[in-house]
Amino acid sequence: MIIRNINLETVCGITSTLPKNDKPEIAFAGKSNVGKSSLINALMNRKSYARISATPGKTQTINFYNINDEMYLVDLPGYGYAKVSQQEKEKWGRMIERYLHTSGRLRAVFLLIDIRHEPSANDRLMYNWVVEQGYNPIIIATKLDKIKRSQVDKHVKMLRQGLGLLPGTKVIPFSAVTKQGRDDIWDLVEREYLDRDTAQEEQ
């Protein structure tokens, strides 16, 4: 994907009306501080378009990035941040659920998991929850540069087993530092989600 232009077109808070977009949407979910903003910046080929913060739980809105006027990258609020009240967490959960249920253009959900560690209870809950909403998330195993190359297969297997992934679920290791995995993510998006959409519109 050659990025020609980007526009942060819509920012939705808890009470906002979700946009009725006419282009394919690809959503990204993940635990606070798993590297979601870094991934989205890497995909957009920008250093700091999506705000990166050392403070977990910074993304409290659903952000719609219009890419090349062809599609949207949708940044969902991070989950599992301990310092946020239970009431606030539930509001974010309802906001994400409303988006997953009502978006007519959502084509895929990518779920970010830290490759270094066993999936947390929150990671497992989020994976199972997205599956229950009718999606088979693609897993992006972030922070790839933090482990040795010889450990990658072992850690990917650990994620598969820890999450109880459905057979055939794709796992893409990714590093925001080296950008390894960036092209794999775009190839998958273009091949499986954008082309199909274009074909449907041409029929």
N, C-alpha and C. Protein backbone atom coordinates (compact mmCIF):
# COMPACT_ATOMS: atom_id res chain seq x y z
N MET A 1 0.85 -1.20 0.00
CA MET A 1 0.00 0.00 0.00
C MET A 1 0.89 1.25 0.00
N ILE A 2 0.76 2.05 -1.03
CA ILE A 2 1.47 3.33 -1.08
C ILE A 2 0.55 4.37 -0.44
N ILE A 3 1.03 5.00 0.64
CA ILE A 3 0.21 5.97 1.36
C ILE A 3 0.38 7.34 0.71
N ARG A 4 -0.70 7.79 0.10
CA ARG A 4 -0.65 9.11 -0.56
C ARG A 4 -1.22 10.21 0.33
N ASN A 5 -2.32 9.91 1.02
CA ASN A 5 -2.85 10.91 1.95
C ASN A 5 -3.61 10.24 3.08
N ILE A 6 -3.59 10.91 4.22
CA ILE A 6 -4.23 10.42 5.44
C ILE A 6 -5.04 11.56 6.03
N ASN A 7 -6.19 11.23 6.56
CA ASN A 7 -6.99 12.24 7.23
C ASN A 7 -7.66 11.61 8.44
N LEU A 8 -7.38 12.15 9.63
CA LEU A 8 -8.11 11.71 10.83
C LEU A 8 -9.49 12.33 10.70
N GLU A 9 -10.40 11.56 10.13
CA GLU A 9 -11.66 12.11 9.67
C GLU A 9 -12.71 12.21 10.77
N THR A 10 -12.76 11.20 11.65
CA THR A 10 -13.79 11.18 12.69
C THR A 10 -13.20 10.69 14.00
N VAL A 11 -13.55 11.36 15.09
CA VAL A 11 -13.17 10.94 16.44
C VAL A 11 -14.46 10.79 17.24
N CYS A 12 -14.73 9.56 17.70
CA CYS A 12 -16.00 9.28 18.40
C CYS A 12 -15.75 9.00 19.87
N GLY A 13 -16.40 9.77 20.73
CA GLY A 13 -16.39 9.51 22.16
C GLY A 13 -17.55 8.60 22.54
N ILE A 14 -17.72 8.44 23.84
CA ILE A 14 -18.72 7.49 24.35
C ILE A 14 -20.13 7.84 23.88
N THR A 15 -20.44 9.12 23.79
CA THR A 15 -21.82 9.51 23.42
C THR A 15 -21.96 9.89 21.95
N SER A 16 -20.85 9.78 21.19
CA SER A 16 -20.89 10.22 19.78
C SER A 16 -21.71 9.27 18.92
N THR A 17 -22.25 9.82 17.84
CA THR A 17 -22.89 9.00 16.81
C THR A 17 -21.80 8.46 15.90
N LEU A 18 -21.82 7.15 15.67
CA LEU A 18 -20.79 6.56 14.81
C LEU A 18 -21.05 6.94 13.35
N PRO A 19 -19.98 7.15 12.58
CA PRO A 19 -20.16 7.58 11.19
C PRO A 19 -20.68 6.45 10.31
N LYS A 20 -21.42 6.80 9.29
CA LYS A 20 -21.87 5.81 8.29
C LYS A 20 -20.93 5.95 7.09
N ASN A 21 -19.80 5.27 7.15
CA ASN A 21 -18.80 5.38 6.11
C ASN A 21 -19.17 4.53 4.89
N ASP A 22 -18.63 4.92 3.73
CA ASP A 22 -18.93 4.17 2.51
C ASP A 22 -17.71 3.44 1.99
N LYS A 23 -16.67 3.32 2.84
CA LYS A 23 -15.46 2.62 2.43
C LYS A 23 -15.15 1.53 3.46
N PRO A 24 -14.36 0.50 3.06
CA PRO A 24 -14.02 -0.58 3.98
C PRO A 24 -13.32 -0.06 5.23
N GLU A 25 -13.62 -0.69 6.38
CA GLU A 25 -12.98 -0.34 7.64
C GLU A 25 -12.20 -1.55 8.17
N ILE A 26 -10.99 -1.27 8.65
CA ILE A 26 -10.14 -2.29 9.28
C ILE A 26 -9.86 -1.80 10.69
N ALA A 27 -10.30 -2.56 11.70
CA ALA A 27 -10.19 -2.09 13.08
C ALA A 27 -9.02 -2.75 13.81
N PHE A 28 -8.46 -1.99 14.75
CA PHE A 28 -7.33 -2.45 15.56
C PHE A 28 -7.68 -2.34 17.04
N ALA A 29 -7.56 -3.46 17.74
CA ALA A 29 -7.85 -3.51 19.18
C ALA A 29 -6.63 -4.06 19.90
N GLY A 30 -6.49 -3.70 21.15
CA GLY A 30 -5.37 -4.21 21.92
C GLY A 30 -5.34 -3.63 23.31
N LYS A 31 -4.64 -4.31 24.18
CA LYS A 31 -4.47 -3.87 25.55
C LYS A 31 -3.72 -2.54 25.57
N SER A 32 -3.98 -1.71 26.57
CA SER A 32 -3.23 -0.47 26.72
C SER A 32 -1.73 -0.75 26.74
N ASN A 33 -0.98 0.08 26.01
CA ASN A 33 0.48 -0.01 25.96
C ASN A 33 1.03 -1.21 25.20
N VAL A 34 0.19 -1.83 24.35
CA VAL A 34 0.68 -2.97 23.56
C VAL A 34 1.37 -2.49 22.27
N GLY A 35 1.23 -1.18 21.98
CA GLY A 35 1.90 -0.63 20.79
C GLY A 35 0.96 -0.36 19.64
N LYS A 36 -0.31 -0.09 19.95
CA LYS A 36 -1.31 0.11 18.89
C LYS A 36 -1.04 1.39 18.09
N SER A 37 -0.77 2.49 18.80
CA SER A 37 -0.49 3.75 18.09
C SER A 37 0.77 3.63 17.23
N SER A 38 1.78 2.94 17.78
CA SER A 38 3.03 2.74 17.02
C SER A 38 2.77 1.93 15.75
N LEU A 39 1.93 0.90 15.86
CA LEU A 39 1.58 0.08 14.69
C LEU A 39 0.85 0.92 13.65
N ILE A 40 -0.13 1.69 14.10
CA ILE A 40 -0.92 2.49 13.15
C ILE A 40 -0.04 3.54 12.48
N ASN A 41 0.86 4.15 13.23
CA ASN A 41 1.80 5.09 12.62
C ASN A 41 2.67 4.39 11.58
N ALA A 42 3.13 3.18 11.89
CA ALA A 42 3.97 2.43 10.95
C ALA A 42 3.18 2.10 9.68
N LEU A 43 1.93 1.68 9.84
CA LEU A 43 1.11 1.35 8.67
C LEU A 43 0.88 2.59 7.81
N MET A 44 0.71 3.74 8.46
CA MET A 44 0.45 4.98 7.73
C MET A 44 1.75 5.65 7.26
N ASN A 45 2.89 5.06 7.65
CA ASN A 45 4.18 5.59 7.26
C ASN A 45 4.40 7.00 7.81
N ARG A 46 3.93 7.21 9.03
CA ARG A 46 4.10 8.49 9.71
C ARG A 46 4.72 8.24 11.08
N LYS A 47 5.46 9.25 11.57
CA LYS A 47 6.12 9.04 12.86
C LYS A 47 5.18 9.24 14.04
N SER A 48 4.30 10.21 13.97
CA SER A 48 3.51 10.50 15.17
C SER A 48 2.11 11.01 14.83
N TYR A 49 1.50 10.44 13.79
CA TYR A 49 0.15 10.88 13.43
C TYR A 49 -0.84 10.39 14.49
N ALA A 50 -0.76 9.09 14.81
CA ALA A 50 -1.53 8.56 15.94
C ALA A 50 -0.73 8.86 17.20
N ARG A 51 -1.37 9.43 18.20
CA ARG A 51 -0.65 9.87 19.39
C ARG A 51 -0.12 8.68 20.18
N ILE A 52 1.18 8.73 20.46
CA ILE A 52 1.81 7.68 21.28
C ILE A 52 2.05 8.27 22.67
N SER A 53 1.73 7.51 23.68
CA SER A 53 1.90 8.03 25.04
C SER A 53 2.50 6.95 25.93
N ALA A 54 3.32 7.39 26.88
CA ALA A 54 3.84 6.46 27.88
C ALA A 54 2.76 6.13 28.90
N THR A 55 1.68 6.91 28.88
CA THR A 55 0.57 6.67 29.81
C THR A 55 -0.43 5.71 29.18
N PRO A 56 -0.59 4.52 29.73
CA PRO A 56 -1.57 3.59 29.16
C PRO A 56 -2.98 4.17 29.22
N GLY A 57 -3.83 3.67 28.35
CA GLY A 57 -5.22 4.10 28.36
C GLY A 57 -5.45 5.46 27.73
N LYS A 58 -4.50 5.91 26.92
CA LYS A 58 -4.60 7.26 26.34
C LYS A 58 -5.70 7.34 25.28
N THR A 59 -5.82 6.28 24.46
CA THR A 59 -6.87 6.30 23.43
C THR A 59 -8.21 5.99 24.10
N GLN A 60 -9.03 7.02 24.23
CA GLN A 60 -10.34 6.85 24.87
C GLN A 60 -11.46 7.11 23.87
N THR A 61 -11.08 7.18 22.62
CA THR A 61 -12.05 7.43 21.55
C THR A 61 -11.85 6.40 20.44
N ILE A 62 -12.82 6.31 19.54
CA ILE A 62 -12.64 5.52 18.33
C ILE A 62 -12.23 6.49 17.23
N ASN A 63 -11.04 6.29 16.69
CA ASN A 63 -10.49 7.21 15.69
C ASN A 63 -10.51 6.57 14.30
N PHE A 64 -11.09 7.29 13.35
CA PHE A 64 -11.21 6.80 11.97
C PHE A 64 -10.22 7.54 11.08
N TYR A 65 -9.20 6.82 10.59
CA TYR A 65 -8.20 7.41 9.70
C TYR A 65 -8.54 7.04 8.25
N ASN A 66 -8.84 8.05 7.46
CA ASN A 66 -9.13 7.84 6.04
C ASN A 66 -7.79 7.70 5.29
N ILE A 67 -7.59 6.56 4.65
CA ILE A 67 -6.34 6.29 3.94
C ILE A 67 -6.59 6.34 2.44
N ASN A 68 -5.96 7.30 1.77
CA ASN A 68 -6.02 7.43 0.30
C ASN A 68 -7.45 7.57 -0.23
N ASP A 69 -8.38 7.93 0.65
CA ASP A 69 -9.79 7.99 0.26
C ASP A 69 -10.28 6.64 -0.28
N GLU A 70 -9.65 5.54 0.21
CA GLU A 70 -9.99 4.18 -0.23
C GLU A 70 -10.53 3.33 0.90
N MET A 71 -10.10 3.63 2.13
CA MET A 71 -10.43 2.77 3.27
C MET A 71 -10.19 3.54 4.56
N TYR A 72 -10.61 2.91 5.68
CA TYR A 72 -10.37 3.49 7.01
C TYR A 72 -9.60 2.51 7.89
N LEU A 73 -8.58 3.03 8.57
CA LEU A 73 -8.01 2.32 9.71
C LEU A 73 -8.74 2.84 10.94
N VAL A 74 -9.27 1.94 11.76
CA VAL A 74 -10.08 2.34 12.91
C VAL A 74 -9.35 1.93 14.19
N ASP A 75 -8.98 2.93 14.98
CA ASP A 75 -8.23 2.72 16.22
C ASP A 75 -9.22 2.67 17.38
N LEU A 76 -9.36 1.49 18.00
CA LEU A 76 -10.30 1.31 19.11
C LEU A 76 -9.62 1.59 20.44
N PRO A 77 -10.37 2.00 21.47
CA PRO A 77 -9.75 2.28 22.78
C PRO A 77 -9.02 1.07 23.33
N GLY A 78 -7.88 1.32 23.98
CA GLY A 78 -7.15 0.23 24.63
C GLY A 78 -7.93 -0.31 25.82
N TYR A 79 -7.75 -1.59 26.12
CA TYR A 79 -8.50 -2.21 27.22
C TYR A 79 -7.54 -2.67 28.31
N GLY A 80 -8.09 -2.91 29.49
CA GLY A 80 -7.32 -3.54 30.56
C GLY A 80 -6.44 -2.60 31.35
N TYR A 81 -6.69 -1.30 31.26
CA TYR A 81 -5.84 -0.36 32.00
C TYR A 81 -6.35 -0.23 33.44
N ALA A 82 -5.48 -0.59 34.38
CA ALA A 82 -5.91 -0.74 35.78
C ALA A 82 -6.37 0.56 36.43
N LYS A 83 -5.79 1.70 36.04
CA LYS A 83 -6.09 2.94 36.75
C LYS A 83 -7.39 3.60 36.30
N VAL A 84 -8.04 3.01 35.32
CA VAL A 84 -9.34 3.53 34.87
C VAL A 84 -10.44 2.85 35.68
N SER A 85 -11.45 3.61 36.08
CA SER A 85 -12.52 3.04 36.91
C SER A 85 -13.28 1.96 36.15
N GLN A 86 -13.89 1.06 36.89
CA GLN A 86 -14.69 -0.01 36.29
C GLN A 86 -15.81 0.56 35.44
N GLN A 87 -16.40 1.65 35.92
CA GLN A 87 -17.50 2.29 35.19
C GLN A 87 -17.01 2.79 33.82
N GLU A 88 -15.81 3.37 33.83
CA GLU A 88 -15.23 3.89 32.58
C GLU A 88 -14.93 2.74 31.63
N LYS A 89 -14.37 1.64 32.17
CA LYS A 89 -14.07 0.47 31.34
C LYS A 89 -15.34 -0.07 30.68
N GLU A 90 -16.41 -0.12 31.47
CA GLU A 90 -17.67 -0.63 30.92
C GLU A 90 -18.20 0.27 29.81
N LYS A 91 -18.01 1.57 29.96
CA LYS A 91 -18.45 2.52 28.92
C LYS A 91 -17.66 2.28 27.63
N TRP A 92 -16.33 2.10 27.78
CA TRP A 92 -15.50 1.83 26.59
C TRP A 92 -15.93 0.53 25.94
N GLY A 93 -16.20 -0.49 26.79
CA GLY A 93 -16.63 -1.79 26.26
C GLY A 93 -17.91 -1.65 25.45
N ARG A 94 -18.85 -0.88 25.98
CA ARG A 94 -20.12 -0.69 25.26
C ARG A 94 -19.91 0.08 23.96
N MET A 95 -18.97 1.03 24.01
CA MET A 95 -18.67 1.82 22.81
C MET A 95 -18.09 0.92 21.71
N ILE A 96 -17.14 0.05 22.09
CA ILE A 96 -16.54 -0.87 21.11
C ILE A 96 -17.60 -1.84 20.58
N GLU A 97 -18.43 -2.35 21.50
CA GLU A 97 -19.47 -3.31 21.11
C GLU A 97 -20.44 -2.66 20.11
N ARG A 98 -20.81 -1.41 20.40
CA ARG A 98 -21.73 -0.69 19.51
C ARG A 98 -21.11 -0.55 18.12
N TYR A 99 -19.80 -0.27 18.09
CA TYR A 99 -19.12 -0.15 16.80
C TYR A 99 -19.11 -1.49 16.05
N LEU A 100 -18.72 -2.57 16.74
CA LEU A 100 -18.65 -3.88 16.08
C LEU A 100 -20.02 -4.32 15.56
N HIS A 101 -21.06 -3.95 16.28
CA HIS A 101 -22.41 -4.37 15.90
C HIS A 101 -23.02 -3.52 14.80
N THR A 102 -22.65 -2.24 14.75
CA THR A 102 -23.39 -1.33 13.86
C THR A 102 -22.63 -0.92 12.60
N SER A 103 -21.30 -1.13 12.57
CA SER A 103 -20.57 -0.73 11.36
C SER A 103 -20.95 -1.65 10.20
N GLY A 104 -21.43 -1.06 9.13
CA GLY A 104 -21.78 -1.85 7.96
C GLY A 104 -20.58 -2.09 7.05
N ARG A 105 -19.45 -1.46 7.36
CA ARG A 105 -18.28 -1.54 6.47
C ARG A 105 -17.06 -2.20 7.12
N LEU A 106 -17.22 -2.70 8.34
CA LEU A 106 -16.08 -3.32 9.01
C LEU A 106 -15.75 -4.66 8.35
N ARG A 107 -14.51 -4.78 7.87
CA ARG A 107 -14.09 -5.98 7.14
C ARG A 107 -13.22 -6.92 7.97
N ALA A 108 -12.47 -6.39 8.93
CA ALA A 108 -11.58 -7.24 9.72
C ALA A 108 -11.22 -6.55 11.02
N VAL A 109 -10.95 -7.38 12.04
CA VAL A 109 -10.47 -6.87 13.32
C VAL A 109 -9.09 -7.48 13.57
N PHE A 110 -8.11 -6.62 13.76
CA PHE A 110 -6.76 -7.05 14.15
C PHE A 110 -6.62 -6.87 15.65
N LEU A 111 -6.18 -7.91 16.34
CA LEU A 111 -6.00 -7.86 17.79
C LEU A 111 -4.51 -7.92 18.11
N LEU A 112 -4.02 -6.91 18.81
CA LEU A 112 -2.60 -6.81 19.13
C LEU A 112 -2.31 -7.47 20.46
N ILE A 113 -1.30 -8.35 20.48
CA ILE A 113 -0.88 -9.05 21.69
C ILE A 113 0.65 -8.95 21.79
N ASP A 114 1.16 -8.68 22.97
CA ASP A 114 2.61 -8.58 23.20
C ASP A 114 3.23 -9.98 23.05
N ILE A 115 4.14 -10.12 22.10
CA ILE A 115 4.72 -11.43 21.79
C ILE A 115 5.58 -11.97 22.94
N ARG A 116 6.01 -11.10 23.84
CA ARG A 116 6.96 -11.52 24.87
C ARG A 116 6.32 -12.35 25.98
N HIS A 117 5.02 -12.15 26.20
CA HIS A 117 4.39 -12.72 27.39
C HIS A 117 3.22 -13.63 27.05
N GLU A 118 2.91 -14.50 27.98
CA GLU A 118 1.67 -15.28 27.88
C GLU A 118 0.50 -14.29 27.79
N PRO A 119 -0.50 -14.57 26.96
CA PRO A 119 -1.67 -13.69 26.91
C PRO A 119 -2.31 -13.54 28.29
N SER A 120 -2.70 -12.31 28.62
CA SER A 120 -3.32 -12.05 29.92
C SER A 120 -4.78 -12.47 29.88
N ALA A 121 -5.40 -12.46 31.07
CA ALA A 121 -6.84 -12.75 31.14
C ALA A 121 -7.62 -11.76 30.29
N ASN A 122 -7.20 -10.50 30.30
CA ASN A 122 -7.87 -9.48 29.48
C ASN A 122 -7.72 -9.77 27.99
N ASP A 123 -6.53 -10.25 27.59
CA ASP A 123 -6.31 -10.60 26.18
C ASP A 123 -7.25 -11.73 25.77
N ARG A 124 -7.38 -12.74 26.62
CA ARG A 124 -8.24 -13.88 26.29
C ARG A 124 -9.71 -13.45 26.24
N LEU A 125 -10.09 -12.60 27.19
CA LEU A 125 -11.46 -12.08 27.20
C LEU A 125 -11.75 -11.31 25.91
N MET A 126 -10.82 -10.46 25.51
CA MET A 126 -11.02 -9.63 24.32
C MET A 126 -11.10 -10.51 23.07
N TYR A 127 -10.21 -11.50 22.97
CA TYR A 127 -10.23 -12.39 21.81
C TYR A 127 -11.57 -13.12 21.71
N ASN A 128 -11.97 -13.73 22.83
CA ASN A 128 -13.23 -14.48 22.83
C ASN A 128 -14.42 -13.57 22.55
N TRP A 129 -14.36 -12.37 23.05
CA TRP A 129 -15.45 -11.42 22.88
C TRP A 129 -15.59 -11.00 21.41
N VAL A 130 -14.45 -10.72 20.77
CA VAL A 130 -14.49 -10.35 19.35
C VAL A 130 -15.04 -11.51 18.52
N VAL A 131 -14.62 -12.74 18.86
CA VAL A 131 -15.13 -13.93 18.16
C VAL A 131 -16.65 -14.02 18.34
N GLU A 132 -17.11 -13.75 19.56
CA GLU A 132 -18.55 -13.81 19.84
C GLU A 132 -19.33 -12.75 19.04
N GLN A 133 -18.66 -11.65 18.69
CA GLN A 133 -19.32 -10.61 17.89
C GLN A 133 -19.38 -11.01 16.40
N GLY A 134 -18.80 -12.18 16.07
CA GLY A 134 -18.90 -12.68 14.70
C GLY A 134 -17.66 -12.48 13.85
N TYR A 135 -16.54 -12.08 14.47
CA TYR A 135 -15.30 -11.85 13.72
C TYR A 135 -14.24 -12.87 14.14
N ASN A 136 -13.36 -13.21 13.21
CA ASN A 136 -12.21 -14.06 13.54
C ASN A 136 -10.98 -13.16 13.50
N PRO A 137 -10.56 -12.61 14.66
CA PRO A 137 -9.49 -11.61 14.63
C PRO A 137 -8.18 -12.16 14.09
N ILE A 138 -7.45 -11.28 13.39
CA ILE A 138 -6.07 -11.59 13.00
C ILE A 138 -5.19 -11.08 14.14
N ILE A 139 -4.26 -11.91 14.60
CA ILE A 139 -3.42 -11.53 15.73
C ILE A 139 -2.14 -10.85 15.22
N ILE A 140 -1.84 -9.68 15.76
CA ILE A 140 -0.55 -9.04 15.51
C ILE A 140 0.27 -9.16 16.79
N ALA A 141 1.37 -9.90 16.70
CA ALA A 141 2.24 -10.13 17.85
C ALA A 141 3.27 -9.02 17.90
N THR A 142 3.03 -8.02 18.76
CA THR A 142 3.86 -6.81 18.78
C THR A 142 5.14 -7.00 19.59
N LYS A 143 6.02 -5.99 19.46
CA LYS A 143 7.29 -5.92 20.19
C LYS A 143 8.23 -7.07 19.80
N LEU A 144 8.18 -7.41 18.54
CA LEU A 144 9.00 -8.50 17.99
C LEU A 144 10.49 -8.27 18.23
N ASP A 145 10.91 -7.01 18.17
CA ASP A 145 12.34 -6.69 18.32
C ASP A 145 12.85 -6.96 19.74
N LYS A 146 11.95 -7.22 20.69
CA LYS A 146 12.35 -7.43 22.09
C LYS A 146 12.73 -8.88 22.38
N ILE A 147 12.53 -9.77 21.41
CA ILE A 147 12.92 -11.17 21.63
C ILE A 147 13.91 -11.60 20.54
N LYS A 148 14.65 -12.67 20.81
CA LYS A 148 15.61 -13.17 19.83
C LYS A 148 14.88 -13.84 18.67
N ARG A 149 15.48 -13.79 17.51
CA ARG A 149 14.84 -14.40 16.32
C ARG A 149 14.56 -15.88 16.55
N SER A 150 15.48 -16.55 17.26
CA SER A 150 15.31 -17.99 17.50
C SER A 150 14.12 -18.30 18.41
N GLN A 151 13.59 -17.27 19.10
CA GLN A 151 12.48 -17.49 20.04
C GLN A 151 11.10 -17.23 19.40
N VAL A 152 11.10 -16.70 18.18
CA VAL A 152 9.83 -16.24 17.59
C VAL A 152 8.81 -17.36 17.48
N ASP A 153 9.21 -18.50 16.89
CA ASP A 153 8.25 -19.60 16.69
C ASP A 153 7.68 -20.08 18.01
N LYS A 154 8.55 -20.18 19.03
CA LYS A 154 8.11 -20.64 20.34
C LYS A 154 7.08 -19.67 20.95
N HIS A 155 7.33 -18.37 20.79
CA HIS A 155 6.43 -17.36 21.37
C HIS A 155 5.11 -17.28 20.59
N VAL A 156 5.17 -17.46 19.28
CA VAL A 156 3.93 -17.47 18.49
C VAL A 156 3.07 -18.66 18.93
N LYS A 157 3.71 -19.81 19.14
CA LYS A 157 2.98 -21.00 19.61
C LYS A 157 2.36 -20.73 20.98
N MET A 158 3.12 -20.02 21.84
CA MET A 158 2.62 -19.67 23.18
C MET A 158 1.36 -18.80 23.06
N LEU A 159 1.36 -17.85 22.13
CA LEU A 159 0.18 -17.00 21.92
C LEU A 159 -1.00 -17.82 21.41
N ARG A 160 -0.72 -18.70 20.45
CA ARG A 160 -1.80 -19.53 19.89
C ARG A 160 -2.47 -20.36 20.99
N GLN A 161 -1.63 -21.00 21.80
CA GLN A 161 -2.18 -21.86 22.85
C GLN A 161 -2.83 -21.04 23.96
N GLY A 162 -2.19 -19.93 24.33
CA GLY A 162 -2.70 -19.10 25.42
C GLY A 162 -4.04 -18.47 25.11
N LEU A 163 -4.26 -18.11 23.83
CA LEU A 163 -5.53 -17.51 23.43
C LEU A 163 -6.56 -18.55 23.01
N GLY A 164 -6.07 -19.79 22.75
CA GLY A 164 -6.98 -20.82 22.23
C GLY A 164 -7.49 -20.42 20.86
N LEU A 165 -6.56 -20.03 19.97
CA LEU A 165 -6.96 -19.50 18.66
C LEU A 165 -7.71 -20.53 17.84
N LEU A 166 -8.70 -20.05 17.11
CA LEU A 166 -9.43 -20.91 16.18
C LEU A 166 -8.46 -21.41 15.10
N PRO A 167 -8.65 -22.64 14.60
CA PRO A 167 -7.77 -23.15 13.54
C PRO A 167 -7.76 -22.19 12.34
N GLY A 168 -6.56 -21.99 11.78
CA GLY A 168 -6.44 -21.13 10.60
C GLY A 168 -6.27 -19.65 10.92
N THR A 169 -6.32 -19.28 12.22
CA THR A 169 -6.14 -17.87 12.59
C THR A 169 -4.72 -17.41 12.24
N LYS A 170 -4.61 -16.27 11.58
CA LYS A 170 -3.30 -15.75 11.20
C LYS A 170 -2.67 -15.01 12.37
N VAL A 171 -1.36 -15.23 12.55
CA VAL A 171 -0.57 -14.49 13.54
C VAL A 171 0.58 -13.82 12.80
N ILE A 172 0.66 -12.50 12.89
CA ILE A 172 1.70 -11.74 12.19
C ILE A 172 2.61 -11.08 13.21
N PRO A 173 3.86 -11.55 13.36
CA PRO A 173 4.80 -10.87 14.25
C PRO A 173 5.14 -9.49 13.69
N PHE A 174 5.23 -8.48 14.59
CA PHE A 174 5.44 -7.11 14.14
C PHE A 174 6.37 -6.36 15.09
N SER A 175 7.24 -5.54 14.51
CA SER A 175 8.11 -4.65 15.29
C SER A 175 7.93 -3.21 14.82
N ALA A 176 7.59 -2.33 15.76
CA ALA A 176 7.47 -0.90 15.42
C ALA A 176 8.85 -0.29 15.18
N VAL A 177 9.89 -0.95 15.69
CA VAL A 177 11.25 -0.43 15.54
C VAL A 177 11.79 -0.74 14.15
N THR A 178 11.72 -2.01 13.73
CA THR A 178 12.28 -2.42 12.43
C THR A 178 11.24 -2.38 11.31
N LYS A 179 9.97 -2.25 11.68
CA LYS A 179 8.82 -2.28 10.74
C LYS A 179 8.60 -3.68 10.14
N GLN A 180 9.28 -4.69 10.69
CA GLN A 180 9.03 -6.05 10.22
C GLN A 180 7.57 -6.42 10.47
N GLY A 181 6.91 -6.95 9.47
CA GLY A 181 5.50 -7.32 9.59
C GLY A 181 4.57 -6.30 8.96
N ARG A 182 5.07 -5.08 8.76
CA ARG A 182 4.21 -4.03 8.19
C ARG A 182 3.68 -4.42 6.81
N ASP A 183 4.58 -4.87 5.94
CA ASP A 183 4.16 -5.24 4.58
C ASP A 183 3.23 -6.45 4.60
N ASP A 184 3.47 -7.38 5.53
CA ASP A 184 2.60 -8.57 5.64
C ASP A 184 1.17 -8.14 5.98
N ILE A 185 1.04 -7.16 6.89
CA ILE A 185 -0.30 -6.69 7.29
C ILE A 185 -0.99 -6.03 6.10
N TRP A 186 -0.26 -5.14 5.39
CA TRP A 186 -0.87 -4.46 4.24
C TRP A 186 -1.22 -5.45 3.14
N ASP A 187 -0.34 -6.44 2.88
CA ASP A 187 -0.62 -7.44 1.84
C ASP A 187 -1.92 -8.17 2.16
N LEU A 188 -2.08 -8.55 3.43
CA LEU A 188 -3.29 -9.26 3.85
C LEU A 188 -4.53 -8.38 3.67
N VAL A 189 -4.42 -7.12 4.10
CA VAL A 189 -5.56 -6.20 3.99
C VAL A 189 -5.95 -6.01 2.53
N GLU A 190 -4.96 -5.76 1.68
CA GLU A 190 -5.27 -5.50 0.26
C GLU A 190 -5.80 -6.75 -0.44
N ARG A 191 -5.22 -7.89 -0.12
CA ARG A 191 -5.59 -9.13 -0.82
C ARG A 191 -6.96 -9.64 -0.38
N GLU A 192 -7.22 -9.60 0.92
CA GLU A 192 -8.41 -10.28 1.44
C GLU A 192 -9.58 -9.36 1.76
N TYR A 193 -9.31 -8.07 1.95
CA TYR A 193 -10.40 -7.20 2.40
C TYR A 193 -10.72 -6.07 1.44
N LEU A 194 -9.70 -5.50 0.81
CA LEU A 194 -9.98 -4.40 -0.12
C LEU A 194 -10.38 -4.92 -1.48
N ASP A 195 -9.67 -5.92 -2.00
CA ASP A 195 -9.99 -6.44 -3.33
C ASP A 195 -11.40 -7.00 -3.37
N ARG A 196 -11.77 -7.74 -2.31
CA ARG A 196 -13.08 -8.33 -2.24
C ARG A 196 -14.16 -7.23 -2.28
N ASP A 197 -13.86 -6.14 -1.57
CA ASP A 197 -14.81 -5.03 -1.50
C ASP A 197 -14.97 -4.38 -2.86
N THR A 198 -13.85 -4.20 -3.56
CA THR A 198 -13.89 -3.59 -4.89
C THR A 198 -14.66 -4.48 -5.84
N ALA A 199 -14.41 -5.79 -5.73
CA ALA A 199 -15.11 -6.74 -6.62
C ALA A 199 -16.61 -6.70 -6.39
N GLN A 200 -17.02 -6.58 -5.12
CA GLN A 200 -18.45 -6.53 -4.80
C GLN A 200 -19.09 -5.28 -5.41
N GLU A 201 -18.35 -4.16 -5.34
CA GLU A 201 -18.91 -2.91 -5.84
C GLU A 201 -19.00 -2.91 -7.36
N GLU A 202 -18.12 -3.69 -8.03
CA GLU A 202 -18.12 -3.71 -9.50
C GLU A 202 -19.23 -4.60 -10.05
N GLN A 203 -19.72 -5.53 -9.22
CA GLN A 203 -20.75 -6.46 -9.72
C GLN A 203 -22.09 -5.78 -9.92
